[in-house]
Protein backbone atom coordinates (compact mmCIF):
# COMPACT_ATOMS: atom_id res chain seq x y z
CA MET A 1 28.52 1.24 -3.90
CA ALA A 2 29.32 4.26 -1.72
CA VAL A 3 27.74 6.58 -4.30
CA PHE A 4 24.64 4.37 -4.48
CA ASN A 5 24.31 4.35 -0.69
CA SER A 6 24.63 8.13 -0.66
CA VAL A 7 21.82 8.43 -3.21
CA ILE A 8 19.62 6.16 -1.08
CA ALA A 9 20.37 8.22 2.03
CA ASP A 10 19.53 11.48 0.25
CA ASP A 11 16.33 9.99 -1.18
CA GLN A 12 15.33 8.59 2.21
CA GLY A 13 15.85 11.96 3.87
CA ALA A 14 13.78 13.80 1.24
CA ASN A 15 10.96 11.23 1.39
CA ALA A 16 10.96 11.25 5.18
CA ALA A 17 10.59 15.02 5.29
CA TYR A 18 7.80 14.91 2.73
CA TRP A 19 5.77 12.22 4.53
CA ASP A 20 6.39 13.92 7.88
CA SER A 21 4.71 17.00 6.39
CA VAL A 22 1.79 14.95 4.98
CA ILE A 23 1.02 13.49 8.40
CA ALA A 24 1.48 16.84 10.14
CA SER A 25 -1.15 18.41 7.86
CA TRP A 26 -3.49 15.40 7.73
CA GLU A 27 -7.05 16.25 8.78
CA PRO A 28 -9.34 13.43 10.00
CA THR A 29 -12.25 14.69 7.92
CA LEU A 30 -15.22 12.44 7.21
CA ALA A 31 -14.04 11.98 3.62
CA HIS A 32 -10.61 10.86 4.79
CA ARG A 33 -12.09 8.49 7.39
CA LEU A 34 -14.39 6.90 4.81
CA TRP A 35 -11.61 6.55 2.28
CA ARG A 36 -9.18 4.96 4.73
CA ALA A 37 -11.84 2.56 6.07
CA HIS A 38 -12.63 1.54 2.48
CA SER A 39 -8.95 0.92 1.74
CA ASP A 40 -8.45 -1.12 4.91
CA ALA A 41 -11.53 -3.26 4.21
CA VAL A 42 -10.42 -4.13 0.67
CA ASN A 43 -6.84 -4.87 1.74
CA ARG A 44 -8.03 -7.08 4.59
CA ARG A 45 -9.90 -9.16 2.02
CA VAL A 46 -6.67 -9.58 0.07
CA LEU A 47 -4.81 -10.73 3.17
CA ARG A 48 -7.51 -13.25 4.07
CA GLY A 49 -7.19 -14.82 0.66
CA TRP A 50 -3.40 -14.81 0.32
CA LEU A 51 -1.79 -14.84 3.79
CA PRO A 52 -2.39 -18.17 5.56
CA SER A 53 -3.07 -18.26 9.28
CA GLY A 54 0.01 -19.40 11.15
CA THR A 55 2.47 -17.48 8.97
CA GLY A 56 5.69 -16.80 10.87
CA THR A 57 7.31 -13.35 10.72
CA VAL A 58 5.71 -10.69 8.51
CA LEU A 59 7.07 -7.33 7.40
CA LYS A 60 4.73 -4.47 6.44
CA THR A 61 6.56 -1.99 4.24
CA ASP A 62 4.89 1.22 5.34
CA LEU A 63 2.76 2.39 8.26
CA PHE A 64 0.75 5.22 6.75
CA ASP A 65 -2.44 3.13 7.05
CA GLU A 66 -1.83 2.67 10.77
CA ALA A 67 -0.91 6.32 11.29
CA VAL A 68 -4.21 7.66 9.90
CA GLY A 69 -6.62 4.76 10.49
CA SER A 70 -6.95 1.20 11.71
CA GLY A 71 -4.70 -0.18 9.01
CA LEU A 72 -3.78 -3.83 8.57
CA VAL A 73 -1.75 -4.56 11.70
CA PRO A 74 -4.66 -6.21 13.60
CA GLU A 75 -5.31 -8.57 10.66
CA LEU A 76 -1.61 -9.33 10.26
CA ALA A 77 -1.25 -10.02 13.99
CA GLU A 78 -4.08 -12.56 13.81
CA ARG A 79 -2.48 -14.39 10.90
CA SER A 80 1.19 -14.41 11.93
CA ALA A 81 3.53 -15.00 14.86
CA GLU A 82 5.26 -11.62 14.61
CA VAL A 83 4.64 -8.35 12.74
CA ILE A 84 7.32 -5.77 12.03
CA GLY A 85 6.45 -2.49 10.34
CA ILE A 86 8.72 0.06 8.73
CA ASP A 87 8.25 3.52 7.31
CA VAL A 88 10.63 6.15 5.98
CA SER A 89 8.88 8.83 8.09
CA PRO A 90 9.66 9.09 11.83
CA VAL A 91 6.37 10.95 12.33
CA VAL A 92 4.42 8.12 10.68
CA VAL A 93 6.24 5.52 12.78
CA ARG A 94 5.49 7.46 15.96
CA ALA A 95 1.79 7.81 15.10
CA ALA A 96 1.48 4.10 14.26
CA SER A 97 3.28 3.15 17.48
CA GLU A 98 0.92 5.29 19.52
CA ARG A 99 -2.05 3.46 18.00
CA TYR A 100 -0.41 0.03 18.38
CA PRO A 101 2.07 0.11 21.29
CA ASP A 102 2.99 -3.57 20.86
CA LEU A 103 3.95 -3.15 17.20
CA ASP A 104 7.65 -3.43 16.38
CA ALA A 105 7.80 -0.25 14.25
CA ARG A 106 11.06 1.06 12.81
CA VAL A 107 12.23 3.93 10.62
CA ALA A 108 13.69 2.52 7.41
CA SER A 109 13.54 2.73 3.61
CA VAL A 110 12.37 -0.14 1.40
CA LEU A 111 15.45 0.53 -0.74
CA ALA A 112 17.87 -0.43 2.07
CA LEU A 113 16.18 -2.47 4.79
CA PRO A 114 18.04 -3.14 8.06
CA PHE A 115 17.28 -6.87 8.19
CA ALA A 116 19.27 -10.00 7.45
CA ASP A 117 18.74 -12.04 4.30
CA ALA A 118 15.83 -14.51 4.41
CA SER A 119 14.56 -13.22 7.75
CA PHE A 120 10.83 -13.03 6.90
CA ASP A 121 8.19 -15.55 5.93
CA ALA A 122 6.10 -12.90 4.18
CA VAL A 123 6.21 -9.25 3.18
CA VAL A 124 3.07 -7.14 2.74
CA SER A 125 3.70 -4.10 0.57
CA ASN A 126 0.41 -2.32 -0.03
CA SER A 127 0.72 0.83 -2.14
CA THR A 128 4.26 1.57 -0.99
CA LEU A 129 6.33 1.34 -4.16
CA ASP A 130 3.92 3.40 -6.30
CA HIS A 131 5.18 6.60 -4.66
CA PHE A 132 8.60 6.36 -6.30
CA ASP A 133 9.16 8.40 -9.46
CA SER A 134 10.63 5.71 -11.72
CA HIS A 135 10.14 2.08 -12.63
CA SER A 136 13.83 1.43 -12.05
CA VAL A 137 13.49 2.41 -8.39
CA ILE A 138 10.41 0.19 -8.06
CA ARG A 139 12.47 -2.67 -9.50
CA SER A 140 15.27 -2.01 -6.99
CA ALA A 141 12.76 -2.10 -4.14
CA VAL A 142 11.31 -5.41 -5.37
CA HIS A 143 14.82 -6.92 -5.39
CA GLU A 144 15.44 -5.65 -1.85
CA LEU A 145 12.18 -7.21 -0.64
CA LYS A 146 13.15 -10.50 -2.27
CA ARG A 147 16.40 -10.51 -0.29
CA LEU A 148 14.43 -10.56 2.97
CA ILE A 149 12.07 -13.42 2.19
CA ARG A 150 12.87 -17.06 2.88
CA PRO A 151 12.65 -19.51 -0.04
CA GLY A 152 8.98 -20.37 -0.50
CA GLY A 153 7.96 -17.19 1.33
CA ARG A 154 5.31 -14.79 0.10
CA LEU A 155 5.23 -11.24 -1.21
CA ILE A 156 1.79 -9.61 -1.24
CA ILE A 157 2.08 -6.37 -3.18
CA THR A 158 -0.37 -3.75 -4.40
CA LEU A 159 0.25 -0.78 -6.67
CA ASP A 160 -1.87 1.95 -8.20
CA ASN A 161 -3.37 0.36 -11.32
CA ARG A 162 -2.05 2.36 -14.28
CA THR A 163 -4.63 0.70 -16.59
CA ASN A 164 -7.51 2.34 -14.72
CA PRO A 165 -8.42 5.64 -16.49
CA ILE A 166 -8.85 7.56 -13.21
CA VAL A 167 -5.45 6.42 -11.95
CA ALA A 168 -3.93 7.26 -15.33
CA LEU A 169 -5.35 10.79 -15.05
CA ARG A 170 -4.18 11.38 -11.51
CA THR A 171 -0.64 10.32 -12.45
CA SER A 172 -0.67 12.62 -15.50
CA ILE A 173 -0.13 16.37 -15.83
CA LEU A 174 -3.59 16.77 -14.26
CA ALA A 175 -2.32 15.47 -10.92
CA GLY A 176 -2.03 19.03 -9.59
CA ALA A 177 -5.72 19.70 -10.23
CA PHE A 178 -6.66 16.46 -8.47
CA ARG A 179 -4.59 17.47 -5.45
CA ARG A 180 -6.25 20.90 -5.31
CA LEU A 181 -9.65 19.16 -5.21
CA GLY A 182 -8.45 16.96 -2.36
CA LEU A 183 -8.90 13.78 -4.42
CA VAL A 184 -5.14 13.10 -4.37
CA PRO A 185 -3.87 14.34 -1.01
CA TYR A 186 -0.26 13.29 -1.53
CA HIS A 187 2.35 12.55 -4.17
CA VAL A 188 1.80 9.59 -6.50
CA GLY A 189 4.57 8.25 -8.68
CA ALA A 190 5.35 5.64 -11.30
CA THR A 191 3.33 2.44 -11.30
CA HIS A 192 2.18 -0.55 -13.35
CA GLY A 193 -0.98 -2.25 -14.51
CA ALA A 194 -1.60 -5.97 -13.99
CA TRP A 195 0.52 -7.00 -16.97
CA GLY A 196 3.39 -4.72 -16.02
CA LEU A 197 3.45 -5.93 -12.41
CA THR A 198 3.42 -9.58 -13.54
CA ARG A 199 6.31 -8.89 -15.91
CA LEU A 200 8.26 -7.04 -13.19
CA LEU A 201 7.91 -9.98 -10.79
CA GLY A 202 8.91 -12.46 -13.49
CA GLU A 203 12.01 -10.45 -14.39
CA SER A 204 12.94 -10.39 -10.71
CA ASP A 205 12.69 -14.22 -10.59
CA TRP A 206 9.56 -14.37 -8.47
CA GLU A 207 6.86 -16.94 -9.14
CA ALA A 208 3.75 -14.79 -9.68
CA ALA A 209 1.10 -17.09 -8.22
CA GLU A 210 -1.90 -14.81 -8.70
CA THR A 211 -2.74 -11.29 -9.85
CA MET A 212 -6.00 -9.38 -9.55
CA SER A 213 -7.41 -5.87 -9.68
CA ILE A 214 -9.08 -4.54 -6.53
CA MET A 215 -10.97 -1.52 -5.16
CA HIS A 216 -13.48 -1.10 -7.98
CA CYS A 217 -15.49 1.71 -6.37
CA PRO A 218 -13.48 4.95 -6.80
CA PRO A 219 -12.24 5.39 -3.20
CA GLN A 220 -11.52 9.10 -2.97
CA LEU A 221 -14.43 10.12 -5.18
CA ALA A 222 -16.95 7.95 -3.31
CA ALA A 223 -15.73 9.23 0.05
CA TRP A 224 -15.81 12.86 -1.10
CA TRP A 225 -19.33 12.52 -2.52
CA THR A 226 -20.67 10.79 0.61
CA ALA A 227 -19.06 13.35 2.91
CA ARG A 228 -20.79 16.16 1.01
CA ARG A 229 -24.17 14.52 1.64
CA GLU A 230 -23.83 13.42 5.27
CA ALA A 231 -22.98 15.16 8.53
CA PRO A 232 -19.70 13.91 10.04
CA ASP A 233 -21.35 12.79 13.28
CA ALA A 234 -24.23 11.04 11.51
CA ALA A 235 -22.30 8.99 8.96
CA ASP A 236 -22.63 5.22 9.28
CA ILE A 237 -19.17 4.08 8.24
CA GLY A 238 -20.11 0.41 8.54
CA ARG A 239 -23.00 0.86 6.13
CA TYR A 240 -20.75 2.81 3.76
CA ILE A 241 -18.17 -0.01 3.74
CA ARG A 242 -20.81 -2.64 3.02
CA ARG A 243 -22.03 -0.51 0.11
CA VAL A 244 -18.63 0.07 -1.51
CA LEU A 245 -17.51 -3.53 -1.01
CA ARG A 246 -20.32 -4.67 -3.29
CA PHE A 247 -18.29 -3.23 -6.15
CA GLU A 248 -15.58 -5.84 -5.52
CA ALA A 249 -17.75 -8.32 -7.45
CA MET A 250 -16.44 -6.48 -10.51
CA ALA A 251 -13.12 -8.28 -9.96
CA ARG A 252 -14.69 -11.17 -11.89
CA TRP A 253 -15.75 -9.04 -14.86
CA PRO A 254 -13.82 -8.91 -18.15
CA THR A 255 -13.34 -5.18 -17.50
CA ARG A 256 -11.74 -5.74 -14.08
CA HIS A 257 -8.37 -4.25 -15.01
CA LEU A 258 -10.06 -1.04 -16.16
CA THR A 259 -12.22 -0.60 -13.05
CA GLY A 260 -9.83 -1.71 -10.30
CA HIS A 261 -7.95 1.21 -8.77
CA PHE A 262 -5.17 -1.06 -7.54
CA VAL A 263 -3.49 -4.14 -8.92
CA ALA A 264 -2.54 -6.83 -6.39
CA ALA A 265 -0.18 -9.75 -6.78
CA LEU A 266 0.82 -12.76 -4.72
CA ALA A 267 4.38 -13.82 -5.50
CA ILE A 268 6.38 -16.72 -4.11
CA ARG A 269 10.15 -16.59 -3.74
CA ARG A 270 11.76 -19.37 -5.69
CA SER A 271 14.36 -21.36 -3.79
């Protein structure tokens, strides 16, 4: 156990330093603003479908969204009695806290969370675990999240959708080229498609209530293309969001798992 805890500490320190550097170098370009607004809009739709109003205490497993954009904290605050956010990066936590001074934001790793068993009614983990380099670490994180949730509580989780050809490319040996183009501005790791995520949750003794693929308009590519065509001070972000959200109708198509850039699941903790 001591060796395992040491590995977690070393991993947490390395990840914290990396994400500190990402935020330090982050530029609020038009492309980045469009991309983050698109991501927030799609994830808010997921929350409205899967997180009931009146939920008790909710944990959000990273705060990158809130550090670089509006994020999901306002939506979570409307739907729950209390929101706690964690992130491995102190710089990310500080940036999120500056945006939302009332947020209970803490520095912590999803692999070793500083909370008692069964202390949350829901956990929202949007694109957190897909930055780890192995499926075994993802599985460990899912078990740790399960520890925190009360029986009958909810896990809402999204991962990069490995079945999508674009995601498959950007997690391949071509990832370096994507980063040089600015289409992948940070490290991406191991992940699953819809079937793999469902199997992972089942093996971890969750009840997988629903799974779907989301974000069917390529987020980084659409933002990059729009930014090339519009001046930063003339861009209508609201109009852009309405346009890209039309693609979410593809979630009902037979090809949905090929076009969705993320896979999302609602899981219930069995008693």
